[in-house]
Amino acid sequence: MIIPVIRFTDQTVIMEDERILYPCYFNKELKRSEGRRVPVSAGITKPDTQNIYKAAKKAGLSARTEESKHPAHWTEKGGRIIVSWKGSKEILIKKIAEKLSEGN
């Protein structure tokens, strides 16, 4: 019997097959060193949790949003998106970025 790994973050339970995404990952106005994880050409201006949530849904993924801040941007209002995904987080980020670009 396989037991999933469970992580607790900010009173939230994150299962092994879930990935956390923050809007800064897709912000083309940020440098890579500031948290952007996609090429500038794949990013968008001022992404928010709702943009990313809708992009995840367009990609056919199960997602939910939460009020939480990225550790490097703790002074900024934000949130995060938790997506059910078993593969590489980088592939997930690219997939979401593609859907974000289609919407803009």
PDB file of N, CA and C in Angstrom:
ATOM      1  N   MET A   1       0.841  -1.175   0.000  1.00  0.00           N
ATOM      2  CA  MET A   1       0.000   0.000   0.000  1.00  0.00           C
ATOM      3  C   MET A   1       0.886   1.239   0.000  1.00  0.00           C
ATOM      4  N   ILE A   2       0.619   2.169  -0.921  1.00  0.00           N
ATOM      5  CA  ILE A   2       1.397   3.395  -1.015  1.00  0.00           C
ATOM      6  C   ILE A   2       0.665   4.493  -0.251  1.00  0.00           C
ATOM      7  N   ILE A   3       1.379   5.144   0.633  1.00  0.00           N
ATOM      8  CA  ILE A   3       0.811   6.238   1.411  1.00  0.00           C
ATOM      9  C   ILE A   3       1.348   7.545   0.843  1.00  0.00           C
ATOM     10  N   PRO A   4       0.472   8.490   0.450  1.00  0.00           N
ATOM     11  CA  PRO A   4       0.959   9.746  -0.120  1.00  0.00           C
ATOM     12  C   PRO A   4       1.671  10.595   0.929  1.00  0.00           C
ATOM     13  N   VAL A   5       2.665  11.324   0.467  1.00  0.00           N
ATOM     14  CA  VAL A   5       3.382  12.235   1.343  1.00  0.00           C
ATOM     15  C   VAL A   5       2.529  13.483   1.515  1.00  0.00           C
ATOM     16  N   ILE A   6       2.397  13.939   2.738  1.00  0.00           N
ATOM     17  CA  ILE A   6       1.585  15.116   3.020  1.00  0.00           C
ATOM     18  C   ILE A   6       2.486  16.180   3.630  1.00  0.00           C
ATOM     19  N   ARG A   7       2.394  17.406   3.104  1.00  0.00           N
ATOM     20  CA  ARG A   7       3.135  18.531   3.665  1.00  0.00           C
ATOM     21  C   ARG A   7       2.132  19.524   4.226  1.00  0.00           C
ATOM     22  N   PHE A   8       2.467  20.132   5.332  1.00  0.00           N
ATOM     23  CA  PHE A   8       1.620  21.155   5.922  1.00  0.00           C
ATOM     24  C   PHE A   8       2.286  22.505   5.717  1.00  0.00           C
ATOM     25  N   THR A   9       1.563  23.448   5.108  1.00  0.00           N
ATOM     26  CA  THR A   9       2.081  24.794   4.910  1.00  0.00           C
ATOM     27  C   THR A   9       0.978  25.773   5.257  1.00  0.00           C
ATOM     28  N   ASP A  10       1.258  26.700   6.130  1.00  0.00           N
ATOM     29  CA  ASP A  10       0.282  27.744   6.487  1.00  0.00           C
ATOM     30  C   ASP A  10      -1.103  27.163   6.765  1.00  0.00           C
ATOM     31  N   GLN A  11      -1.174  26.101   7.543  1.00  0.00           N
ATOM     32  CA  GLN A  11      -2.433  25.453   7.902  1.00  0.00           C
ATOM     33  C   GLN A  11      -3.137  24.820   6.704  1.00  0.00           C
ATOM     34  N   THR A  12      -2.403  24.540   5.647  1.00  0.00           N
ATOM     35  CA  THR A  12      -2.963  23.909   4.467  1.00  0.00           C
ATOM     36  C   THR A  12      -2.296  22.558   4.272  1.00  0.00           C
ATOM     37  N   VAL A  13      -3.053  21.585   3.860  1.00  0.00           N
ATOM     38  CA  VAL A  13      -2.506  20.268   3.576  1.00  0.00           C
ATOM     39  C   VAL A  13      -2.222  20.197   2.076  1.00  0.00           C
ATOM     40  N   ILE A  14      -0.981  19.894   1.734  1.00  0.00           N
ATOM     41  CA  ILE A  14      -0.578  19.755   0.338  1.00  0.00           C
ATOM     42  C   ILE A  14      -0.232  18.286   0.118  1.00  0.00           C
ATOM     43  N   MET A  15      -0.928  17.640  -0.791  1.00  0.00           N
ATOM     44  CA  MET A  15      -0.676  16.232  -1.082  1.00  0.00           C
ATOM     45  C   MET A  15       0.525  16.101  -2.025  1.00  0.00           C
ATOM     46  N   GLU A  16       1.055  14.919  -2.108  1.00  0.00           N
ATOM     47  CA  GLU A  16       2.245  14.653  -2.916  1.00  0.00           C
ATOM     48  C   GLU A  16       2.029  15.009  -4.387  1.00  0.00           C
ATOM     49  N   ASP A  17       0.818  14.829  -4.895  1.00  0.00           N
ATOM     50  CA  ASP A  17       0.557  15.075  -6.314  1.00  0.00           C
ATOM     51  C   ASP A  17      -0.003  16.480  -6.573  1.00  0.00           C
ATOM     52  N   GLU A  18       0.315  17.432  -5.710  1.00  0.00           N
ATOM     53  CA  GLU A  18      -0.112  18.811  -5.900  1.00  0.00           C
ATOM     54  C   GLU A  18       1.117  19.717  -5.963  1.00  0.00           C
ATOM     55  N   ARG A  19       1.003  20.756  -6.777  1.00  0.00           N
ATOM     56  CA  ARG A  19       2.085  21.722  -6.925  1.00  0.00           C
ATOM     57  C   ARG A  19       1.559  23.115  -6.612  1.00  0.00           C
ATOM     58  N   ILE A  20       2.386  23.920  -5.961  1.00  0.00           N
ATOM     59  CA  ILE A  20       2.025  25.290  -5.617  1.00  0.00           C
ATOM     60  C   ILE A  20       2.615  26.238  -6.654  1.00  0.00           C
ATOM     61  N   LEU A  21       1.780  27.117  -7.187  1.00  0.00           N
ATOM     62  CA  LEU A  21       2.212  28.123  -8.149  1.00  0.00           C
ATOM     63  C   LEU A  21       1.902  29.511  -7.589  1.00  0.00           C
ATOM     64  N   TYR A  22       2.834  30.434  -7.782  1.00  0.00           N
ATOM     65  CA  TYR A  22       2.642  31.815  -7.360  1.00  0.00           C
ATOM     66  C   TYR A  22       2.608  32.712  -8.600  1.00  0.00           C
ATOM     67  N   PRO A  23       1.848  33.793  -8.566  1.00  0.00           N
ATOM     68  CA  PRO A  23       1.773  34.701  -9.719  1.00  0.00           C
ATOM     69  C   PRO A  23       3.134  35.229 -10.171  1.00  0.00           C
ATOM     70  N   CYS A  24       4.073  35.429  -9.252  1.00  0.00           N
ATOM     71  CA  CYS A  24       5.379  35.968  -9.645  1.00  0.00           C
ATOM     72  C   CYS A  24       6.091  35.068 -10.653  1.00  0.00           C
ATOM     73  N   TYR A  25       5.770  33.784 -10.686  1.00  0.00           N
ATOM     74  CA  TYR A  25       6.401  32.865 -11.646  1.00  0.00           C
ATOM     75  C   TYR A  25       6.132  33.298 -13.091  1.00  0.00           C
ATOM     76  N   PHE A  26       5.022  33.991 -13.319  1.00  0.00           N
ATOM     77  CA  PHE A  26       4.575  34.333 -14.674  1.00  0.00           C
ATOM     78  C   PHE A  26       4.681  35.833 -14.975  1.00  0.00           C
ATOM     79  N   ASN A  27       5.252  36.611 -14.062  1.00  0.00           N
ATOM     80  CA  ASN A  27       5.312  38.066 -14.202  1.00  0.00           C
ATOM     81  C   ASN A  27       6.510  38.473 -15.055  1.00  0.00           C
ATOM     82  N   LYS A  28       6.233  38.945 -16.280  1.00  0.00           N
ATOM     83  CA  LYS A  28       7.326  39.286 -17.184  1.00  0.00           C
ATOM     84  C   LYS A  28       8.069  40.550 -16.766  1.00  0.00           C
ATOM     85  N   GLU A  29       7.540  41.278 -15.801  1.00  0.00           N
ATOM     86  CA  GLU A  29       8.217  42.479 -15.309  1.00  0.00           C
ATOM     87  C   GLU A  29       9.290  42.163 -14.261  1.00  0.00           C
ATOM     88  N   LEU A  30       9.319  40.935 -13.785  1.00  0.00           N
ATOM     89  CA  LEU A  30      10.318  40.530 -12.798  1.00  0.00           C
ATOM     90  C   LEU A  30      11.514  39.879 -13.472  1.00  0.00           C
ATOM     91  N   LYS A  31      12.659  39.956 -12.802  1.00  0.00           N
ATOM     92  CA  LYS A  31      13.846  39.235 -13.254  1.00  0.00           C
ATOM     93  C   LYS A  31      13.742  37.797 -12.760  1.00  0.00           C
ATOM     94  N   ARG A  32      14.507  36.928 -13.346  1.00  0.00           N
ATOM     95  CA  ARG A  32      14.538  35.534 -12.875  1.00  0.00           C
ATOM     96  C   ARG A  32      14.937  35.486 -11.407  1.00  0.00           C
ATOM     97  N   SER A  33      15.869  36.336 -11.023  1.00  0.00           N
ATOM     98  CA  SER A  33      16.334  36.355  -9.632  1.00  0.00           C
ATOM     99  C   SER A  33      15.256  36.862  -8.668  1.00  0.00           C
ATOM    100  N   GLU A  34      14.204  37.473  -9.202  1.00  0.00           N
ATOM    101  CA  GLU A  34      13.108  37.982  -8.380  1.00  0.00           C
ATOM    102  C   GLU A  34      11.925  37.013  -8.332  1.00  0.00           C
ATOM    103  N   GLY A  35      12.062  35.862  -8.994  1.00  0.00           N
ATOM    104  CA  GLY A  35      11.034  34.841  -8.889  1.00  0.00           C
ATOM    105  C   GLY A  35      10.357  34.422 -10.173  1.00  0.00           C
ATOM    106  N   ARG A  36      10.633  35.119 -11.295  1.00  0.00           N
ATOM    107  CA  ARG A  36      10.009  34.711 -12.564  1.00  0.00           C
ATOM    108  C   ARG A  36      10.579  33.366 -12.978  1.00  0.00           C
ATOM    109  N   ARG A  37       9.723  32.465 -13.459  1.00  0.00           N
ATOM    110  CA  ARG A  37      10.178  31.129 -13.835  1.00  0.00           C
ATOM    111  C   ARG A  37       9.906  30.802 -15.292  1.00  0.00           C
ATOM    112  N   VAL A  38       9.401  31.765 -16.044  1.00  0.00           N
ATOM    113  CA  VAL A  38       9.153  31.558 -17.478  1.00  0.00           C
ATOM    114  C   VAL A  38       9.943  32.608 -18.258  1.00  0.00           C
ATOM    115  N   PRO A  39      10.202  32.366 -19.549  1.00  0.00           N
ATOM    116  CA  PRO A  39      10.853  33.407 -20.352  1.00  0.00           C
ATOM    117  C   PRO A  39       9.972  34.663 -20.398  1.00  0.00           C
ATOM    118  N   VAL A  40      10.583  35.807 -20.590  1.00  0.00           N
ATOM    119  CA  VAL A  40       9.823  37.062 -20.662  1.00  0.00           C
ATOM    120  C   VAL A  40       8.743  36.958 -21.742  1.00  0.00           C
ATOM    121  N   SER A  41       9.065  36.320 -22.855  1.00  0.00           N
ATOM    122  CA  SER A  41       8.104  36.186 -23.958  1.00  0.00           C
ATOM    123  C   SER A  41       6.878  35.350 -23.572  1.00  0.00           C
ATOM    124  N   ALA A  42       7.011  34.487 -22.571  1.00  0.00           N
ATOM    125  CA  ALA A  42       5.889  33.645 -22.147  1.00  0.00           C
ATOM    126  C   ALA A  42       5.155  34.222 -20.948  1.00  0.00           C
ATOM    127  N   GLY A  43       5.707  35.277 -20.341  1.00  0.00           N
ATOM    128  CA  GLY A  43       5.086  35.868 -19.167  1.00  0.00           C
ATOM    129  C   GLY A  43       4.017  36.892 -19.520  1.00  0.00           C
ATOM    130  N   ILE A  44       3.311  37.363 -18.502  1.00  0.00           N
ATOM    131  CA  ILE A  44       2.301  38.400 -18.685  1.00  0.00           C
ATOM    132  C   ILE A  44       2.547  39.516 -17.672  1.00  0.00           C
ATOM    133  N   THR A  45       1.946  40.655 -17.921  1.00  0.00           N
ATOM    134  CA  THR A  45       2.064  41.781 -17.014  1.00  0.00           C
ATOM    135  C   THR A  45       1.062  41.642 -15.880  1.00  0.00           C
ATOM    136  N   LYS A  46       1.522  41.804 -14.667  1.00  0.00           N
ATOM    137  CA  LYS A  46       0.690  41.761 -13.458  1.00  0.00           C
ATOM    138  C   LYS A  46      -0.247  40.547 -13.392  1.00  0.00           C
ATOM    139  N   PRO A  47       0.309  39.351 -13.386  1.00  0.00           N
ATOM    140  CA  PRO A  47      -0.546  38.168 -13.244  1.00  0.00           C
ATOM    141  C   PRO A  47      -1.165  38.116 -11.850  1.00  0.00           C
ATOM    142  N   ASP A  48      -2.322  37.521 -11.752  1.00  0.00           N
ATOM    143  CA  ASP A  48      -2.927  37.320 -10.437  1.00  0.00           C
ATOM    144  C   ASP A  48      -3.440  35.891 -10.335  1.00  0.00           C
ATOM    145  N   THR A  49      -3.891  35.533  -9.162  1.00  0.00           N
ATOM    146  CA  THR A  49      -4.313  34.150  -8.938  1.00  0.00           C
ATOM    147  C   THR A  49      -5.473  33.756  -9.846  1.00  0.00           C
ATOM    148  N   GLN A  50      -6.360  34.685 -10.138  1.00  0.00           N
ATOM    149  CA  GLN A  50      -7.512  34.352 -10.984  1.00  0.00           C
ATOM    150  C   GLN A  50      -7.083  34.045 -12.420  1.00  0.00           C
ATOM    151  N   ASN A  51      -6.105  34.811 -12.950  1.00  0.00           N
ATOM    152  CA  ASN A  51      -5.577  34.523 -14.292  1.00  0.00           C
ATOM    153  C   ASN A  51      -5.015  33.101 -14.351  1.00  0.00           C
ATOM    154  N   ILE A  52      -4.219  32.770 -13.353  1.00  0.00           N
ATOM    155  CA  ILE A  52      -3.543  31.471 -13.348  1.00  0.00           C
ATOM    156  C   ILE A  52      -4.543  30.344 -13.098  1.00  0.00           C
ATOM    157  N   TYR A  53      -5.502  30.582 -12.222  1.00  0.00           N
ATOM    158  CA  TYR A  53      -6.550  29.594 -11.961  1.00  0.00           C
ATOM    159  C   TYR A  53      -7.320  29.289 -13.255  1.00  0.00           C
ATOM    160  N   LYS A  54      -7.713  30.335 -13.983  1.00  0.00           N
ATOM    161  CA  LYS A  54      -8.445  30.145 -15.244  1.00  0.00           C
ATOM    162  C   LYS A  54      -7.590  29.419 -16.275  1.00  0.00           C
ATOM    163  N   ALA A  55      -6.299  29.745 -16.336  1.00  0.00           N
ATOM    164  CA  ALA A  55      -5.396  29.060 -17.267  1.00  0.00           C
ATOM    165  C   ALA A  55      -5.271  27.579 -16.920  1.00  0.00           C
ATOM    166  N   ALA A  56      -5.207  27.261 -15.634  1.00  0.00           N
ATOM    167  CA  ALA A  56      -5.136  25.858 -15.209  1.00  0.00           C
ATOM    168  C   ALA A  56      -6.407  25.120 -15.611  1.00  0.00           C
ATOM    169  N   LYS A  57      -7.550  25.765 -15.436  1.00  0.00           N
ATOM    170  CA  LYS A  57      -8.828  25.145 -15.825  1.00  0.00           C
ATOM    171  C   LYS A  57      -8.888  24.937 -17.335  1.00  0.00           C
ATOM    172  N   LYS A  58      -8.396  25.926 -18.119  1.00  0.00           N
ATOM    173  CA  LYS A  58      -8.360  25.794 -19.589  1.00  0.00           C
ATOM    174  C   LYS A  58      -7.494  24.608 -20.003  1.00  0.00           C
ATOM    175  N   ALA A  59      -6.456  24.355 -19.201  1.00  0.00           N
ATOM    176  CA  ALA A  59      -5.548  23.242 -19.491  1.00  0.00           C
ATOM    177  C   ALA A  59      -6.117  21.905 -19.013  1.00  0.00           C
ATOM    178  N   GLY A  60      -7.321  21.951 -18.422  1.00  0.00           N
ATOM    179  CA  GLY A  60      -7.966  20.721 -17.971  1.00  0.00           C
ATOM    180  C   GLY A  60      -7.455  20.211 -16.635  1.00  0.00           C
ATOM    181  N   LEU A  61      -6.896  21.091 -15.835  1.00  0.00           N
ATOM    182  CA  LEU A  61      -6.323  20.688 -14.553  1.00  0.00           C
ATOM    183  C   LEU A  61      -7.237  21.057 -13.396  1.00  0.00           C
ATOM    184  N   SER A  62      -7.129  20.302 -12.329  1.00  0.00           N
ATOM    185  CA  SER A  62      -7.857  20.591 -11.107  1.00  0.00           C
ATOM    186  C   SER A  62      -7.018  21.578 -10.300  1.00  0.00           C
ATOM    187  N   ALA A  63      -7.627  22.702  -9.896  1.00  0.00           N
ATOM    188  CA  ALA A  63      -6.867  23.730  -9.184  1.00  0.00           C
ATOM    189  C   ALA A  63      -7.743  24.414  -8.147  1.00  0.00           C
ATOM    190  N   ARG A  64      -7.068  25.047  -7.193  1.00  0.00           N
ATOM    191  CA  ARG A  64      -7.770  25.878  -6.208  1.00  0.00           C
ATOM    192  C   ARG A  64      -6.850  27.034  -5.833  1.00  0.00           C
ATOM    193  N   THR A  65      -7.444  28.121  -5.354  1.00  0.00           N
ATOM    194  CA  THR A  65      -6.652  29.280  -4.959  1.00  0.00           C
ATOM    195  C   THR A  65      -6.659  29.417  -3.438  1.00  0.00           C
ATOM    196  N   GLU A  66      -5.625  30.064  -2.938  1.00  0.00           N
ATOM    197  CA  GLU A  66      -5.516  30.322  -1.511  1.00  0.00           C
ATOM    198  C   GLU A  66      -4.885  31.684  -1.304  1.00  0.00           C
ATOM    199  N   GLU A  67      -5.226  32.300  -0.196  1.00  0.00           N
ATOM    200  CA  GLU A  67      -4.561  33.534   0.202  1.00  0.00           C
ATOM    201  C   GLU A  67      -3.265  33.141   0.899  1.00  0.00           C
ATOM    202  N   SER A  68      -2.175  33.496   0.305  1.00  0.00           N
ATOM    203  CA  SER A  68      -0.861  33.222   0.864  1.00  0.00           C
ATOM    204  C   SER A  68       0.133  34.063   0.087  1.00  0.00           C
ATOM    205  N   LYS A  69       1.290  34.289   0.642  1.00  0.00           N
ATOM    206  CA  LYS A  69       2.285  35.124  -0.021  1.00  0.00           C
ATOM    207  C   LYS A  69       3.526  34.321  -0.344  1.00  0.00           C
ATOM    208  N   HIS A  70       4.140  34.661  -1.457  1.00  0.00           N
ATOM    209  CA  HIS A  70       5.406  34.040  -1.817  1.00  0.00           C
ATOM    210  C   HIS A  70       6.441  34.493  -0.786  1.00  0.00           C
ATOM    211  N   PRO A  71       7.269  33.595  -0.290  1.00  0.00           N
ATOM    212  CA  PRO A  71       8.240  33.969   0.746  1.00  0.00           C
ATOM    213  C   PRO A  71       9.135  35.156   0.374  1.00  0.00           C
ATOM    214  N   ALA A  72       9.496  35.284  -0.899  1.00  0.00           N
ATOM    215  CA  ALA A  72      10.364  36.387  -1.317  1.00  0.00           C
ATOM    216  C   ALA A  72       9.590  37.695  -1.497  1.00  0.00           C
ATOM    217  N   HIS A  73       8.264  37.608  -1.562  1.00  0.00           N
ATOM    218  CA  HIS A  73       7.423  38.793  -1.783  1.00  0.00           C
ATOM    219  C   HIS A  73       6.396  38.902  -0.663  1.00  0.00           C
ATOM    220  N   TRP A  74       6.832  38.740   0.553  1.00  0.00           N
ATOM    221  CA  TRP A  74       5.924  38.663   1.694  1.00  0.00           C
ATOM    222  C   TRP A  74       5.206  39.971   1.988  1.00  0.00           C
ATOM    223  N   THR A  75       5.689  41.098   1.460  1.00  0.00           N
ATOM    224  CA  THR A  75       5.017  42.372   1.720  1.00  0.00           C
ATOM    225  C   THR A  75       3.908  42.665   0.715  1.00  0.00           C
ATOM    226  N   GLU A  76       3.879  41.916  -0.380  1.00  0.00           N
ATOM    227  CA  GLU A  76       2.905  42.171  -1.443  1.00  0.00           C
ATOM    228  C   GLU A  76       1.657  41.311  -1.258  1.00  0.00           C
ATOM    229  N   LYS A  77       0.524  41.890  -1.600  1.00  0.00           N
ATOM    230  CA  LYS A  77      -0.718  41.115  -1.577  1.00  0.00           C
ATOM    231  C   LYS A  77      -0.654  40.130  -2.737  1.00  0.00           C
ATOM    232  N   GLY A  78      -1.113  38.955  -2.511  1.00  0.00           N
ATOM    233  CA  GLY A  78      -1.022  37.972  -3.576  1.00  0.00           C
ATOM    234  C   GLY A  78      -1.928  36.805  -3.319  1.00  0.00           C
ATOM    235  N   GLY A  79      -1.404  35.665  -3.483  1.00  0.00           N
ATOM    236  CA  GLY A  79      -2.130  34.425  -3.307  1.00  0.00           C
ATOM    237  C   GLY A  79      -1.321  33.343  -3.968  1.00  0.00           C
ATOM    238  N   ARG A  80      -1.861  32.166  -3.984  1.00  0.00           N
ATOM    239  CA  ARG A  80      -1.208  31.061  -4.667  1.00  0.00           C
ATOM    240  C   ARG A  80      -2.260  30.133  -5.221  1.00  0.00           C
ATOM    241  N   ILE A  81      -1.836  29.311  -6.147  1.00  0.00           N
ATOM    242  CA  ILE A  81      -2.719  28.352  -6.794  1.00  0.00           C
ATOM    243  C   ILE A  81      -2.125  26.980  -6.529  1.00  0.00           C
ATOM    244  N   ILE A  82      -2.963  26.063  -6.109  1.00  0.00           N
ATOM    245  CA  ILE A  82      -2.528  24.691  -5.883  1.00  0.00           C
ATOM    246  C   ILE A  82      -3.163  23.843  -6.970  1.00  0.00           C
ATOM    247  N   VAL A  83      -2.308  23.182  -7.747  1.00  0.00           N
ATOM    248  CA  VAL A  83      -2.752  22.419  -8.912  1.00  0.00           C
ATOM    249  C   VAL A  83      -2.436  20.945  -8.701  1.00  0.00           C
ATOM    250  N   SER A  84      -3.385  20.084  -9.025  1.00  0.00           N
ATOM    251  CA  SER A  84      -3.133  18.639  -8.984  1.00  0.00           C
ATOM    252  C   SER A  84      -2.281  18.284 -10.199  1.00  0.00           C
ATOM    253  N   TRP A  85      -1.081  17.776  -9.934  1.00  0.00           N
ATOM    254  CA  TRP A  85      -0.134  17.487 -11.007  1.00  0.00           C
ATOM    255  C   TRP A  85       0.927  16.544 -10.476  1.00  0.00           C
ATOM    256  N   LYS A  86       1.152  15.449 -11.175  1.00  0.00           N
ATOM    257  CA  LYS A  86       2.126  14.463 -10.721  1.00  0.00           C
ATOM    258  C   LYS A  86       3.490  14.617 -11.383  1.00  0.00           C
ATOM    259  N   GLY A  87       3.556  15.357 -12.477  1.00  0.00           N
ATOM    260  CA  GLY A  87       4.808  15.484 -13.215  1.00  0.00           C
ATOM    261  C   GLY A  87       5.699  16.594 -12.707  1.00  0.00           C
ATOM    262  N   SER A  88       6.618  16.991 -13.554  1.00  0.00           N
ATOM    263  CA  SER A  88       7.584  18.035 -13.242  1.00  0.00           C
ATOM    264  C   SER A  88       6.893  19.388 -13.077  1.00  0.00           C
ATOM    265  N   LYS A  89       7.308  20.131 -12.086  1.00  0.00           N
ATOM    266  CA  LYS A  89       6.734  21.461 -11.853  1.00  0.00           C
ATOM    267  C   LYS A  89       7.074  22.395 -13.019  1.00  0.00           C
ATOM    268  N   GLU A  90       8.257  22.244 -13.600  1.00  0.00           N
ATOM    269  CA  GLU A  90       8.653  23.092 -14.728  1.00  0.00           C
ATOM    270  C   GLU A  90       7.746  22.867 -15.935  1.00  0.00           C
ATOM    271  N   ILE A  91       7.374  21.630 -16.201  1.00  0.00           N
ATOM    272  CA  ILE A  91       6.468  21.338 -17.311  1.00  0.00           C
ATOM    273  C   ILE A  91       5.096  21.941 -17.025  1.00  0.00           C
ATOM    274  N   LEU A  92       4.645  21.840 -15.792  1.00  0.00           N
ATOM    275  CA  LEU A  92       3.371  22.449 -15.398  1.00  0.00           C
ATOM    276  C   LEU A  92       3.405  23.962 -15.603  1.00  0.00           C
ATOM    277  N   ILE A  93       4.469  24.600 -15.186  1.00  0.00           N
ATOM    278  CA  ILE A  93       4.591  26.053 -15.338  1.00  0.00           C
ATOM    279  C   ILE A  93       4.549  26.442 -16.812  1.00  0.00           C
ATOM    280  N   LYS A  94       5.235  25.690 -17.664  1.00  0.00           N
ATOM    281  CA  LYS A  94       5.212  25.975 -19.108  1.00  0.00           C
ATOM    282  C   LYS A  94       3.808  25.808 -19.676  1.00  0.00           C
ATOM    283  N   LYS A  95       3.115  24.774 -19.242  1.00  0.00           N
ATOM    284  CA  LYS A  95       1.755  24.514 -19.719  1.00  0.00           C
ATOM    285  C   LYS A  95       0.817  25.658 -19.327  1.00  0.00           C
ATOM    286  N   ILE A  96       0.915  26.118 -18.091  1.00  0.00           N
ATOM    287  CA  ILE A  96       0.086  27.230 -17.616  1.00  0.00           C
ATOM    288  C   ILE A  96       0.460  28.516 -18.362  1.00  0.00           C
ATOM    289  N   ALA A  97       1.747  28.746 -18.578  1.00  0.00           N
ATOM    290  CA  ALA A  97       2.202  29.946 -19.290  1.00  0.00           C
ATOM    291  C   ALA A  97       1.631  29.983 -20.707  1.00  0.00           C
ATOM    292  N   GLU A  98       1.566  28.838 -21.380  1.00  0.00           N
ATOM    293  CA  GLU A  98       0.987  28.781 -22.725  1.00  0.00           C
ATOM    294  C   GLU A  98      -0.482  29.213 -22.698  1.00  0.00           C
ATOM    295  N   LYS A  99      -1.221  28.721 -21.718  1.00  0.00           N
ATOM    296  CA  LYS A  99      -2.645  29.076 -21.613  1.00  0.00           C
ATOM    297  C   LYS A  99      -2.819  30.556 -21.235  1.00  0.00           C
ATOM    298  N   LEU A 100      -1.903  31.088 -20.420  1.00  0.00           N
ATOM    299  CA  LEU A 100      -1.961  32.509 -20.071  1.00  0.00           C
ATOM    300  C   LEU A 100      -1.742  33.379 -21.307  1.00  0.00           C
ATOM    301  N   SER A 101      -0.773  32.968 -22.175  1.00  0.00           N
ATOM    302  CA  SER A 101      -0.502  33.755 -23.385  1.00  0.00           C
ATOM    303  C   SER A 101      -1.673  33.724 -24.356  1.00  0.00           C
ATOM    304  N   GLU A 102      -2.382  32.606 -24.398  1.00  0.00           N
ATOM    305  CA  GLU A 102      -3.567  32.510 -25.276  1.00  0.00           C
ATOM    306  C   GLU A 102      -4.652  33.467 -24.840  1.00  0.00           C
ATOM    307  N   GLY A 103      -4.743  33.693 -23.536  1.00  0.00           N
ATOM    308  CA  GLY A 103      -5.799  34.557 -22.997  1.00  0.00           C
ATOM    309  C   GLY A 103      -5.499  36.037 -23.150  1.00  0.00           C
ATOM    310  N   ASN A 104      -4.265  36.403 -23.458  1.00  0.00           N
ATOM    311  CA  ASN A 104      -3.892  37.834 -23.570  1.00  0.00           C
ATOM    312  C   ASN A 104      -3.589  38.231 -24.980  1.00  0.00           C
TER     313      ASN A 104
END
